[in-house]
PDB file of N, CA and C in Angstrom:
ATOM      1  N   MET A   1      35.234  23.199  14.491  1.00  0.00           N
ATOM      2  CA  MET A   1      35.337  24.027  12.760  1.00  0.00           C
ATOM      3  C   MET A   1      36.084  23.424  12.096  1.00  0.00           C
ATOM      4  N   LYS A   2      37.338  22.862  13.221  1.00  0.00           N
ATOM      5  CA  LYS A   2      37.985  22.583  11.979  1.00  0.00           C
ATOM      6  C   LYS A   2      37.932  20.922  11.582  1.00  0.00           C
ATOM      7  N   LYS A   3      37.316  20.544  12.671  1.00  0.00           N
ATOM      8  CA  LYS A   3      37.081  19.070  12.493  1.00  0.00           C
ATOM      9  C   LYS A   3      35.929  18.916  11.288  1.00  0.00           C
ATOM     10  N   HIS A   4      35.396  19.515  10.932  1.00  0.00           N
ATOM     11  CA  HIS A   4      34.486  19.238  10.163  1.00  0.00           C
ATOM     12  C   HIS A   4      34.379  20.642   8.523  1.00  0.00           C
ATOM     13  N   SER A   5      36.170  21.079   8.745  1.00  0.00           N
ATOM     14  CA  SER A   5      35.894  22.781   8.336  1.00  0.00           C
ATOM     15  C   SER A   5      35.385  22.143   6.610  1.00  0.00           C
ATOM     16  N   THR A   6      35.837  20.962   5.994  1.00  0.00           N
ATOM     17  CA  THR A   6      35.671  20.395   4.410  1.00  0.00           C
ATOM     18  C   THR A   6      33.728  20.610   4.941  1.00  0.00           C
ATOM     19  N   GLU A   7      33.074  19.778   4.826  1.00  0.00           N
ATOM     20  CA  GLU A   7      31.974  19.632   5.541  1.00  0.00           C
ATOM     21  C   GLU A   7      31.510  20.921   4.877  1.00  0.00           C
ATOM     22  N   VAL A   8      31.579  22.065   6.077  1.00  0.00           N
ATOM     23  CA  VAL A   8      31.337  23.420   6.409  1.00  0.00           C
ATOM     24  C   VAL A   8      31.467  24.213   5.025  1.00  0.00           C
ATOM     25  N   PHE A   9      32.401  23.991   4.647  1.00  0.00           N
ATOM     26  CA  PHE A   9      32.666  24.566   3.407  1.00  0.00           C
ATOM     27  C   PHE A   9      31.990  24.787   2.022  1.00  0.00           C
ATOM     28  N   ASN A  10      31.747  23.485   2.528  1.00  0.00           N
ATOM     29  CA  ASN A  10      31.130  22.391   1.184  1.00  0.00           C
ATOM     30  C   ASN A  10      29.782  23.803   1.106  1.00  0.00           C
ATOM     31  N   MET A  11      29.480  23.271   2.407  1.00  0.00           N
ATOM     32  CA  MET A  11      27.630  23.832   2.670  1.00  0.00           C
ATOM     33  C   MET A  11      27.218  25.378   2.424  1.00  0.00           C
ATOM     34  N   LEU A  12      28.451  25.863   2.351  1.00  0.00           N
ATOM     35  CA  LEU A  12      28.700  27.777   2.094  1.00  0.00           C
ATOM     36  C   LEU A  12      28.143  27.681   0.850  1.00  0.00           C
ATOM     37  N   LEU A  13      28.825  26.484  -0.140  1.00  0.00           N
ATOM     38  CA  LEU A  13      29.508  27.281  -1.663  1.00  0.00           C
ATOM     39  C   LEU A  13      27.701  25.815  -1.986  1.00  0.00           C
ATOM     40  N   ALA A  14      27.653  25.413  -1.624  1.00  0.00           N
ATOM     41  CA  ALA A  14      26.270  24.772  -2.030  1.00  0.00           C
ATOM     42  C   ALA A  14      25.289  26.160  -2.586  1.00  0.00           C
ATOM     43  N   GLU A  15      24.578  25.829  -3.796  1.00  0.00           N
ATOM     44  CA  GLU A  15      23.607  26.811  -3.941  1.00  0.00           C
ATOM     45  C   GLU A  15      22.137  26.454  -3.905  1.00  0.00           C
ATOM     46  N   TRP A  16      21.756  26.980  -2.856  1.00  0.00           N
ATOM     47  CA  TRP A  16      19.979  26.584  -3.010  1.00  0.00           C
ATOM     48  C   TRP A  16      19.080  26.571  -4.184  1.00  0.00           C
ATOM     49  N   ASN A  17      18.996  25.923  -4.042  1.00  0.00           N
ATOM     50  CA  ASN A  17      17.379  25.463  -5.620  1.00  0.00           C
ATOM     51  C   ASN A  17      16.134  25.563  -4.754  1.00  0.00           C
ATOM     52  N   TRP A  18      15.486  26.608  -4.575  1.00  0.00           N
ATOM     53  CA  TRP A  18      14.197  26.419  -4.326  1.00  0.00           C
ATOM     54  C   TRP A  18      13.553  25.113  -5.014  1.00  0.00           C
ATOM     55  N   ASP A  19      13.437  25.450  -6.095  1.00  0.00           N
ATOM     56  CA  ASP A  19      13.063  24.308  -7.097  1.00  0.00           C
ATOM     57  C   ASP A  19      12.568  23.019  -7.021  1.00  0.00           C
ATOM     58  N   ASP A  20      14.057  22.577  -6.537  1.00  0.00           N
ATOM     59  CA  ASP A  20      14.567  20.968  -6.663  1.00  0.00           C
ATOM     60  C   ASP A  20      13.517  21.112  -4.419  1.00  0.00           C
ATOM     61  N   ALA A  21      13.955  21.933  -4.460  1.00  0.00           N
ATOM     62  CA  ALA A  21      13.246  22.324  -2.408  1.00  0.00           C
ATOM     63  C   ALA A  21      12.027  21.948  -2.004  1.00  0.00           C
ATOM     64  N   LEU A  22      11.499  22.272  -2.836  1.00  0.00           N
ATOM     65  CA  LEU A  22       9.528  21.935  -3.258  1.00  0.00           C
ATOM     66  C   LEU A  22       9.673  20.935  -3.272  1.00  0.00           C
ATOM     67  N   THR A  23      10.564  20.155  -4.886  1.00  0.00           N
ATOM     68  CA  THR A  23      10.085  19.117  -5.154  1.00  0.00           C
ATOM     69  C   THR A  23      10.122  18.206  -4.254  1.00  0.00           C
ATOM     70  N   VAL A  24      11.266  17.772  -3.613  1.00  0.00           N
ATOM     71  CA  VAL A  24      11.841  16.945  -2.347  1.00  0.00           C
ATOM     72  C   VAL A  24      10.130  17.190  -1.345  1.00  0.00           C
ATOM     73  N   SER A  25      10.311  18.325  -0.780  1.00  0.00           N
ATOM     74  CA  SER A  25       9.039  17.801  -0.151  1.00  0.00           C
ATOM     75  C   SER A  25       7.456  17.378  -0.023  1.00  0.00           C
ATOM     76  N   ARG A  26       7.478  17.715  -1.625  1.00  0.00           N
ATOM     77  CA  ARG A  26       6.644  17.469  -1.962  1.00  0.00           C
ATOM     78  C   ARG A  26       6.523  15.397  -2.220  1.00  0.00           C
ATOM     79  N   GLU A  27       7.644  15.259  -2.735  1.00  0.00           N
ATOM     80  CA  GLU A  27       7.638  13.782  -2.653  1.00  0.00           C
ATOM     81  C   GLU A  27       7.893  13.609  -1.246  1.00  0.00           C
ATOM     82  N   GLU A  28       8.434  13.164   0.107  1.00  0.00           N
ATOM     83  CA  GLU A  28       8.271  13.224   0.566  1.00  0.00           C
ATOM     84  C   GLU A  28       6.781  13.642   1.734  1.00  0.00           C
ATOM     85  N   GLY A  29       6.137  14.341   1.086  1.00  0.00           N
ATOM     86  CA  GLY A  29       4.629  14.791   1.547  1.00  0.00           C
ATOM     87  C   GLY A  29       4.046  13.338   0.902  1.00  0.00           C
ATOM     88  N   TRP A  30       4.184  13.405  -0.467  1.00  0.00           N
ATOM     89  CA  TRP A  30       3.055  12.510  -0.763  1.00  0.00           C
ATOM     90  C   TRP A  30       3.796  10.807  -0.447  1.00  0.00           C
ATOM     91  N   GLY A  31       4.903  10.602  -0.379  1.00  0.00           N
ATOM     92  CA  GLY A  31       4.846   9.142   0.646  1.00  0.00           C
ATOM     93  C   GLY A  31       4.275   9.126   1.931  1.00  0.00           C
ATOM     94  N   GLU A  32       4.828  10.218   2.522  1.00  0.00           N
ATOM     95  CA  GLU A  32       4.158   9.873   3.773  1.00  0.00           C
ATOM     96  C   GLU A  32       2.457   9.656   3.479  1.00  0.00           C
ATOM     97  N   GLY A  33       1.635  10.665   3.081  1.00  0.00           N
ATOM     98  CA  GLY A  33       0.265  10.502   2.804  1.00  0.00           C
ATOM     99  C   GLY A  33      -0.520   8.687   2.323  1.00  0.00           C
ATOM    100  N   LEU A  34       1.038   7.697   1.035  1.00  0.00           N
ATOM    101  CA  LEU A  34       0.520   7.089   0.986  1.00  0.00           C
ATOM    102  C   LEU A  34       0.981   6.113   2.479  1.00  0.00           C
ATOM    103  N   GLU A  35       1.683   6.376   3.159  1.00  0.00           N
ATOM    104  CA  GLU A  35       1.693   5.715   3.944  1.00  0.00           C
ATOM    105  C   GLU A  35       0.792   5.483   5.801  1.00  0.00           C
ATOM    106  N   GLN A  36       0.224   6.241   5.593  1.00  0.00           N
ATOM    107  CA  GLN A  36      -0.776   7.269   6.147  1.00  0.00           C
ATOM    108  C   GLN A  36      -2.375   5.939   5.204  1.00  0.00           C
ATOM    109  N   ALA A  37      -2.303   6.470   4.113  1.00  0.00           N
ATOM    110  CA  ALA A  37      -3.683   5.865   3.411  1.00  0.00           C
ATOM    111  C   ALA A  37      -3.727   4.616   4.117  1.00  0.00           C
ATOM    112  N   ALA A  38      -2.354   3.524   3.589  1.00  0.00           N
ATOM    113  CA  ALA A  38      -1.770   1.978   3.671  1.00  0.00           C
ATOM    114  C   ALA A  38      -2.633   1.468   5.095  1.00  0.00           C
ATOM    115  N   ARG A  39      -1.819   2.463   6.107  1.00  0.00           N
ATOM    116  CA  ARG A  39      -1.765   2.156   7.999  1.00  0.00           C
ATOM    117  C   ARG A  39      -4.072   1.903   8.131  1.00  0.00           C
ATOM    118  N   ASN A  40      -3.892   3.321   7.626  1.00  0.00           N
ATOM    119  CA  ASN A  40      -5.891   3.384   7.833  1.00  0.00           C
ATOM    120  C   ASN A  40      -6.802   1.701   6.927  1.00  0.00           C
ATOM    121  N   ALA A  41      -5.988   1.900   5.649  1.00  0.00           N
ATOM    122  CA  ALA A  41      -7.224   0.960   5.248  1.00  0.00           C
ATOM    123  C   ALA A  41      -6.511  -0.499   5.786  1.00  0.00           C
ATOM    124  N   LEU A  42      -5.823  -0.948   6.524  1.00  0.00           N
ATOM    125  CA  LEU A  42      -5.096  -2.021   7.208  1.00  0.00           C
ATOM    126  C   LEU A  42      -5.691  -2.042   8.311  1.00  0.00           C
ATOM    127  N   ALA A  43      -5.912  -1.030   8.237  1.00  0.00           N
ATOM    128  CA  ALA A  43      -7.173  -0.679   9.807  1.00  0.00           C
ATOM    129  C   ALA A  43      -8.949  -0.687  10.278  1.00  0.00           C
ATOM    130  N   LYS A  44      -8.812  -0.785   8.682  1.00  0.00           N
ATOM    131  CA  LYS A  44     -10.370  -1.115   8.255  1.00  0.00           C
ATOM    132  C   LYS A  44     -10.359  -1.769   7.785  1.00  0.00           C
ATOM    133  N   GLY A  45      -9.661  -3.213   8.059  1.00  0.00           N
ATOM    134  CA  GLY A  45      -9.532  -4.755   7.331  1.00  0.00           C
ATOM    135  C   GLY A  45      -9.509  -4.835   6.020  1.00  0.00           C
ATOM    136  N   TYR A  46      -9.069  -4.247   4.786  1.00  0.00           N
ATOM    137  CA  TYR A  46      -8.258  -3.803   4.008  1.00  0.00           C
ATOM    138  C   TYR A  46      -7.252  -5.503   3.755  1.00  0.00           C
ATOM    139  N   THR A  47      -7.541  -5.826   2.854  1.00  0.00           N
ATOM    140  CA  THR A  47      -6.042  -7.516   2.867  1.00  0.00           C
ATOM    141  C   THR A  47      -5.137  -6.028   2.378  1.00  0.00           C
ATOM    142  N   PRO A  48      -3.528  -6.775   2.364  1.00  0.00           N
ATOM    143  CA  PRO A  48      -2.354  -5.978   1.998  1.00  0.00           C
ATOM    144  C   PRO A  48      -2.622  -6.322   0.239  1.00  0.00           C
ATOM    145  N   GLU A  49      -2.939  -7.424  -0.419  1.00  0.00           N
ATOM    146  CA  GLU A  49      -3.078  -7.293  -2.104  1.00  0.00           C
ATOM    147  C   GLU A  49      -3.707  -6.026  -2.107  1.00  0.00           C
ATOM    148  N   GLN A  50      -5.587  -5.986  -1.263  1.00  0.00           N
ATOM    149  CA  GLN A  50      -6.012  -4.358  -1.804  1.00  0.00           C
ATOM    150  C   GLN A  50      -5.426  -3.254  -1.648  1.00  0.00           C
ATOM    151  N   VAL A  51      -4.450  -2.837  -0.344  1.00  0.00           N
ATOM    152  CA  VAL A  51      -3.768  -1.907  -0.175  1.00  0.00           C
ATOM    153  C   VAL A  51      -2.867  -1.858  -1.465  1.00  0.00           C
ATOM    154  N   ARG A  52      -1.857  -2.710  -1.711  1.00  0.00           N
ATOM    155  CA  ARG A  52      -1.007  -2.475  -2.474  1.00  0.00           C
ATOM    156  C   ARG A  52      -1.880  -2.134  -3.857  1.00  0.00           C
ATOM    157  N   ASP A  53      -3.042  -2.922  -4.158  1.00  0.00           N
ATOM    158  CA  ASP A  53      -3.405  -2.307  -5.616  1.00  0.00           C
ATOM    159  C   ASP A  53      -3.714  -1.176  -5.538  1.00  0.00           C
ATOM    160  N   ILE A  54      -3.942  -0.423  -4.373  1.00  0.00           N
ATOM    161  CA  ILE A  54      -4.085   0.746  -4.529  1.00  0.00           C
ATOM    162  C   ILE A  54      -3.978   2.229  -3.989  1.00  0.00           C
ATOM    163  N   THR A  55      -2.854   1.469  -3.587  1.00  0.00           N
ATOM    164  CA  THR A  55      -1.506   2.747  -2.904  1.00  0.00           C
ATOM    165  C   THR A  55      -0.390   2.820  -4.031  1.00  0.00           C
ATOM    166  N   GLY A  56       0.562   1.036  -4.867  1.00  0.00           N
ATOM    167  CA  GLY A  56       0.849   0.783  -5.744  1.00  0.00           C
ATOM    168  C   GLY A  56       2.408   0.675  -4.639  1.00  0.00           C
ATOM    169  N   LEU A  57       2.281   0.707  -2.925  1.00  0.00           N
ATOM    170  CA  LEU A  57       3.124   0.395  -2.443  1.00  0.00           C
ATOM    171  C   LEU A  57       3.677  -1.384  -2.511  1.00  0.00           C
ATOM    172  N   ASP A  58       5.045  -1.225  -2.714  1.00  0.00           N
ATOM    173  CA  ASP A  58       5.869  -2.599  -2.196  1.00  0.00           C
ATOM    174  C   ASP A  58       5.118  -3.630  -1.082  1.00  0.00           C
ATOM    175  N   PRO A  59       5.137  -4.862  -1.043  1.00  0.00           N
ATOM    176  CA  PRO A  59       4.888  -5.968  -0.127  1.00  0.00           C
ATOM    177  C   PRO A  59       5.751  -5.418   1.078  1.00  0.00           C
ATOM    178  N   GLU A  60       6.694  -4.699   1.264  1.00  0.00           N
ATOM    179  CA  GLU A  60       7.895  -4.872   1.735  1.00  0.00           C
ATOM    180  C   GLU A  60       7.059  -3.995   3.081  1.00  0.00           C
ATOM    181  N   ALA A  61       6.979  -2.761   2.265  1.00  0.00           N
ATOM    182  CA  ALA A  61       6.406  -1.311   2.868  1.00  0.00           C
ATOM    183  C   ALA A  61       5.352  -1.754   3.604  1.00  0.00           C
ATOM    184  N   LEU A  62       4.516  -2.524   2.925  1.00  0.00           N
ATOM    185  CA  LEU A  62       3.300  -3.041   3.739  1.00  0.00           C
ATOM    186  C   LEU A  62       3.313  -3.312   4.686  1.00  0.00           C
ATOM    187  N   GLU A  63       4.366  -4.750   4.795  1.00  0.00           N
ATOM    188  CA  GLU A  63       5.220  -5.546   6.265  1.00  0.00           C
ATOM    189  C   GLU A  63       5.398  -4.727   7.556  1.00  0.00           C
ATOM    190  N   ARG A  64       5.825  -3.885   6.870  1.00  0.00           N
ATOM    191  CA  ARG A  64       6.831  -2.306   7.616  1.00  0.00           C
ATOM    192  C   ARG A  64       5.607  -2.064   8.285  1.00  0.00           C
ATOM    193  N   LEU A  65       4.753  -1.135   7.445  1.00  0.00           N
ATOM    194  CA  LEU A  65       3.427  -0.851   8.774  1.00  0.00           C
ATOM    195  C   LEU A  65       2.636  -1.420   8.950  1.00  0.00           C
ATOM    196  N   ARG A  66       2.773  -2.467   8.484  1.00  0.00           N
ATOM    197  CA  ARG A  66       1.337  -3.640   9.509  1.00  0.00           C
ATOM    198  C   ARG A  66       2.187  -4.122  11.264  1.00  0.00           C
ATOM    199  N   ASN A  67       3.815  -4.093  10.875  1.00  0.00           N
ATOM    200  CA  ASN A  67       4.206  -4.139  12.137  1.00  0.00           C
ATOM    201  C   ASN A  67       4.751  -3.102  13.102  1.00  0.00           C
ATOM    202  N   ARG A  68       4.070  -1.974  12.430  1.00  0.00           N
ATOM    203  CA  ARG A  68       4.608  -0.800  13.463  1.00  0.00           C
ATOM    204  C   ARG A  68       2.510  -0.655  14.615  1.00  0.00           C
TER     205      ARG A  68
END
């Protein structure tokens, strides 16, 4: 506890904001959904360019998905 006392103290003082938590959760879910849709489209034979046009994901993100 002493080793991380500053971090623990800051966590105790942090104010929880439900609206912010919901916004972050939605954004993370949206991103995961886009990536899953891109993986599915690539598996079905769509070109990376077509998937990029549909999802708006950048070429680096598509390359990472193709290599998984």
